[in-house]
Amino acid sequence: MAEKKERQTKAYVPHRNCPKCGVQSKLAEHTDRRTCGRCGYMEKK
């Protein structure tokens, strides 16, 4: 019978809110920047 694999969960990372859109939109985390998909706001890390 096949062995069951354990699920690995990622640690929770709180996202920052967009300063232009407010609480409605979160900033996407990239390796070198954070961007808002709604208004296009970008900030470098």
N, C-alpha and C. Protein backbone atom coordinates (compact mmCIF):
# COMPACT_ATOMS: atom_id res chain seq x y z
N MET A 1 0.83 -1.18 0.00
CA MET A 1 0.00 0.00 0.00
C MET A 1 0.88 1.25 0.00
N ALA A 2 0.46 2.28 -0.68
CA ALA A 2 1.24 3.51 -0.80
C ALA A 2 1.29 4.26 0.53
N GLU A 3 2.44 4.88 0.78
CA GLU A 3 2.60 5.66 2.00
C GLU A 3 1.98 7.04 1.82
N LYS A 4 1.42 7.57 2.90
CA LYS A 4 0.86 8.92 2.84
C LYS A 4 1.98 9.94 2.99
N LYS A 5 1.92 10.98 2.17
CA LYS A 5 2.90 12.06 2.26
C LYS A 5 2.36 13.14 3.18
N GLU A 6 3.25 13.72 3.95
CA GLU A 6 2.85 14.81 4.81
C GLU A 6 2.81 16.10 4.00
N ARG A 7 1.83 16.92 4.28
CA ARG A 7 1.72 18.20 3.59
C ARG A 7 2.60 19.22 4.29
N GLN A 8 3.34 19.96 3.49
CA GLN A 8 4.15 21.03 4.06
C GLN A 8 3.44 22.34 3.79
N THR A 9 3.28 23.14 4.81
CA THR A 9 2.63 24.43 4.66
C THR A 9 3.66 25.54 4.72
N LYS A 10 3.40 26.60 3.99
CA LYS A 10 4.30 27.75 4.00
C LYS A 10 3.95 28.65 5.17
N ALA A 11 4.95 29.35 5.66
CA ALA A 11 4.73 30.28 6.76
C ALA A 11 3.92 31.47 6.26
N TYR A 12 3.05 32.00 7.10
CA TYR A 12 2.23 33.15 6.74
C TYR A 12 3.08 34.40 6.67
N VAL A 13 2.96 35.12 5.55
CA VAL A 13 3.68 36.37 5.37
C VAL A 13 2.64 37.47 5.19
N PRO A 14 2.55 38.41 6.12
CA PRO A 14 1.56 39.47 5.97
C PRO A 14 1.95 40.40 4.82
N HIS A 15 1.00 40.70 3.96
CA HIS A 15 1.26 41.57 2.82
C HIS A 15 0.94 43.00 3.18
N ARG A 16 1.61 43.91 2.50
CA ARG A 16 1.37 45.33 2.73
C ARG A 16 0.21 45.80 1.86
N ASN A 17 -0.54 46.75 2.35
CA ASN A 17 -1.62 47.35 1.58
C ASN A 17 -1.05 48.42 0.66
N CYS A 18 -1.72 48.63 -0.47
CA CYS A 18 -1.31 49.66 -1.41
C CYS A 18 -1.63 51.04 -0.83
N PRO A 19 -0.66 51.98 -0.83
CA PRO A 19 -0.93 53.31 -0.28
C PRO A 19 -1.91 54.12 -1.13
N LYS A 20 -2.01 53.84 -2.43
CA LYS A 20 -2.94 54.57 -3.29
C LYS A 20 -4.35 53.99 -3.22
N CYS A 21 -4.47 52.66 -3.28
CA CYS A 21 -5.79 52.00 -3.30
C CYS A 21 -6.36 51.80 -1.90
N GLY A 22 -5.51 51.73 -0.91
CA GLY A 22 -5.97 51.53 0.46
C GLY A 22 -6.05 50.05 0.81
N VAL A 23 -6.97 49.70 1.69
CA VAL A 23 -7.08 48.34 2.21
C VAL A 23 -7.61 47.36 1.16
N GLN A 24 -8.24 47.85 0.12
CA GLN A 24 -8.84 46.98 -0.89
C GLN A 24 -7.83 46.16 -1.65
N SER A 25 -6.60 46.64 -1.78
CA SER A 25 -5.61 45.98 -2.63
C SER A 25 -4.32 45.73 -1.88
N LYS A 26 -3.75 44.55 -2.08
CA LYS A 26 -2.48 44.18 -1.45
C LYS A 26 -1.35 44.29 -2.47
N LEU A 27 -0.13 44.51 -1.99
CA LEU A 27 1.03 44.57 -2.87
C LEU A 27 1.59 43.16 -3.08
N ALA A 28 1.84 42.83 -4.33
CA ALA A 28 2.41 41.53 -4.67
C ALA A 28 3.90 41.55 -4.36
N GLU A 29 4.39 40.47 -3.77
CA GLU A 29 5.80 40.38 -3.39
C GLU A 29 6.62 39.76 -4.53
N HIS A 30 7.58 40.51 -5.04
CA HIS A 30 8.54 40.00 -6.01
C HIS A 30 9.91 39.98 -5.33
N THR A 31 10.91 39.45 -6.02
CA THR A 31 12.22 39.34 -5.39
C THR A 31 12.85 40.70 -5.11
N ASP A 32 12.65 41.67 -5.99
CA ASP A 32 13.29 42.97 -5.82
C ASP A 32 12.33 44.14 -5.67
N ARG A 33 11.01 43.87 -5.68
CA ARG A 33 10.04 44.95 -5.62
C ARG A 33 8.69 44.47 -5.10
N ARG A 34 7.81 45.41 -4.78
CA ARG A 34 6.41 45.12 -4.44
C ARG A 34 5.56 45.91 -5.42
N THR A 35 4.53 45.29 -6.00
CA THR A 35 3.69 45.97 -6.97
C THR A 35 2.21 45.77 -6.67
N CYS A 36 1.42 46.75 -7.10
CA CYS A 36 -0.03 46.67 -6.97
C CYS A 36 -0.59 46.31 -8.34
N GLY A 37 -1.39 45.27 -8.42
CA GLY A 37 -1.97 44.85 -9.68
C GLY A 37 -3.14 45.71 -10.09
N ARG A 38 -3.67 46.47 -9.19
CA ARG A 38 -4.84 47.29 -9.48
C ARG A 38 -4.47 48.64 -10.11
N CYS A 39 -3.54 49.36 -9.49
CA CYS A 39 -3.20 50.71 -9.99
C CYS A 39 -1.79 50.79 -10.60
N GLY A 40 -0.97 49.76 -10.41
CA GLY A 40 0.37 49.78 -10.98
C GLY A 40 1.42 50.40 -10.08
N TYR A 41 1.08 50.71 -8.85
CA TYR A 41 2.05 51.29 -7.90
C TYR A 41 3.18 50.29 -7.67
N MET A 42 4.44 50.79 -7.61
CA MET A 42 5.59 49.92 -7.40
C MET A 42 6.55 50.57 -6.40
N GLU A 43 7.10 49.74 -5.53
CA GLU A 43 8.15 50.21 -4.61
C GLU A 43 9.25 49.16 -4.57
N LYS A 44 10.49 49.64 -4.53
CA LYS A 44 11.63 48.73 -4.46
C LYS A 44 11.88 48.33 -3.03
N LYS A 45 12.42 47.13 -2.85
CA LYS A 45 12.72 46.64 -1.50
C LYS A 45 14.03 47.24 -1.01
